[in-house]
């Protein structure tokens, strides 16, 4: 993923390693990330993840999170 970002001139702002289930967004590292961007009033323009099912296993929840981002 880092090589992809370098090749495509994407600045890496934060790397999150999360090993909790993707069945919902009640995950410690994800919660920290969301709280951080809310705190500094930042909108994420790009979030990369290794696999779609590592972001969310529920399409409805995923779309709601994308809207929040």
C-alpha atoms as a PDB file:
ATOM      1  CA  UNK A   1       0.000   0.000   0.000  1.00  0.00           C
ATOM      2  CA  UNK A   2       2.863   2.366   0.811  1.00  0.00           C
ATOM      3  CA  UNK A   3       4.455   1.676  -2.560  1.00  0.00           C
ATOM      4  CA  UNK A   4       1.108   2.355  -4.279  1.00  0.00           C
ATOM      5  CA  UNK A   5       0.843   5.704  -2.486  1.00  0.00           C
ATOM      6  CA  UNK A   6       4.390   6.657  -3.425  1.00  0.00           C
ATOM      7  CA  UNK A   7       3.858   5.710  -7.067  1.00  0.00           C
ATOM      8  CA  UNK A   8       0.645   7.739  -7.212  1.00  0.00           C
ATOM      9  CA  UNK A   9       1.929  10.730  -5.228  1.00  0.00           C
ATOM     10  CA  UNK A  10      -0.531  10.157  -2.382  1.00  0.00           C
ATOM     11  CA  UNK A  11       0.560  11.627   0.946  1.00  0.00           C
ATOM     12  CA  UNK A  12       0.037   9.216   3.814  1.00  0.00           C
ATOM     13  CA  UNK A  13      -1.508  11.105   6.710  1.00  0.00           C
ATOM     14  CA  UNK A  14      -2.145   8.223   9.064  1.00  0.00           C
ATOM     15  CA  UNK A  15      -1.814   4.447   9.093  1.00  0.00           C
ATOM     16  CA  UNK A  16      -4.300   2.444  11.125  1.00  0.00           C
ATOM     17  CA  UNK A  17      -3.720  -1.178  12.050  1.00  0.00           C
ATOM     18  CA  UNK A  18      -6.959  -2.736  13.225  1.00  0.00           C
ATOM     19  CA  UNK A  19      -7.538  -6.407  13.894  1.00  0.00           C
ATOM     20  CA  UNK A  20     -11.094  -6.217  15.218  1.00  0.00           C
ATOM     21  CA  UNK A  21     -14.012  -7.632  13.274  1.00  0.00           C
ATOM     22  CA  UNK A  22     -15.396  -5.468  10.483  1.00  0.00           C
ATOM     23  CA  UNK A  23     -18.984  -6.428  11.325  1.00  0.00           C
ATOM     24  CA  UNK A  24     -19.457  -2.881  12.675  1.00  0.00           C
ATOM     25  CA  UNK A  25     -17.461   0.300  13.243  1.00  0.00           C
ATOM     26  CA  UNK A  26     -17.104  -0.145  17.013  1.00  0.00           C
ATOM     27  CA  UNK A  27     -13.371  -0.727  16.646  1.00  0.00           C
ATOM     28  CA  UNK A  28     -10.823   1.019  18.883  1.00  0.00           C
ATOM     29  CA  UNK A  29      -8.413   2.339  16.235  1.00  0.00           C
ATOM     30  CA  UNK A  30     -11.186   3.357  13.856  1.00  0.00           C
ATOM     31  CA  UNK A  31     -12.984   5.195  16.660  1.00  0.00           C
ATOM     32  CA  UNK A  32      -9.760   7.079  17.461  1.00  0.00           C
ATOM     33  CA  UNK A  33      -9.419   8.053  13.799  1.00  0.00           C
ATOM     34  CA  UNK A  34     -13.017   9.292  13.520  1.00  0.00           C
ATOM     35  CA  UNK A  35     -12.711  11.267  16.761  1.00  0.00           C
ATOM     36  CA  UNK A  36      -9.451  12.802  15.512  1.00  0.00           C
ATOM     37  CA  UNK A  37     -10.896  14.035  12.217  1.00  0.00           C
ATOM     38  CA  UNK A  38     -13.997  15.367  13.999  1.00  0.00           C
ATOM     39  CA  UNK A  39     -11.829  17.167  16.563  1.00  0.00           C
ATOM     40  CA  UNK A  40      -9.831  19.024  13.925  1.00  0.00           C
ATOM     41  CA  UNK A  41     -12.840  19.495  11.605  1.00  0.00           C
ATOM     42  CA  UNK A  42     -11.160  17.574   8.815  1.00  0.00           C
ATOM     43  CA  UNK A  43     -12.915  15.757   6.007  1.00  0.00           C
ATOM     44  CA  UNK A  44     -11.136  12.703   4.698  1.00  0.00           C
ATOM     45  CA  UNK A  45     -10.587  12.898   0.976  1.00  0.00           C
ATOM     46  CA  UNK A  46      -9.114   9.429   0.647  1.00  0.00           C
ATOM     47  CA  UNK A  47      -9.139   6.340   2.833  1.00  0.00           C
ATOM     48  CA  UNK A  48      -7.340   3.265   1.541  1.00  0.00           C
ATOM     49  CA  UNK A  49      -7.702  -0.215   2.940  1.00  0.00           C
ATOM     50  CA  UNK A  50      -6.332  -3.568   1.913  1.00  0.00           C
ATOM     51  CA  UNK A  51      -9.703  -5.260   1.346  1.00  0.00           C
ATOM     52  CA  UNK A  52     -13.276  -4.004   1.206  1.00  0.00           C
ATOM     53  CA  UNK A  53     -14.342  -6.514   3.874  1.00  0.00           C
ATOM     54  CA  UNK A  54     -11.756  -4.997   6.238  1.00  0.00           C
ATOM     55  CA  UNK A  55     -13.616  -1.677   5.992  1.00  0.00           C
ATOM     56  CA  UNK A  56     -17.096  -3.067   6.538  1.00  0.00           C
ATOM     57  CA  UNK A  57     -19.069  -6.242   6.036  1.00  0.00           C
ATOM     58  CA  UNK A  58     -22.364  -4.365   6.017  1.00  0.00           C
ATOM     59  CA  UNK A  59     -23.081  -2.236   2.930  1.00  0.00           C
ATOM     60  CA  UNK A  60     -25.536   0.053   4.750  1.00  0.00           C
ATOM     61  CA  UNK A  61     -23.058   0.783   7.536  1.00  0.00           C
ATOM     62  CA  UNK A  62     -20.300   1.313   4.988  1.00  0.00           C
ATOM     63  CA  UNK A  63     -22.323   3.906   3.051  1.00  0.00           C
ATOM     64  CA  UNK A  64     -23.175   5.739   6.264  1.00  0.00           C
ATOM     65  CA  UNK A  65     -19.480   5.841   7.221  1.00  0.00           C
ATOM     66  CA  UNK A  66     -18.520   7.048   3.742  1.00  0.00           C
ATOM     67  CA  UNK A  67     -21.084   9.829   4.076  1.00  0.00           C
ATOM     68  CA  UNK A  68     -19.590  10.787   7.461  1.00  0.00           C
ATOM     69  CA  UNK A  69     -16.097  10.857   6.017  1.00  0.00           C
END
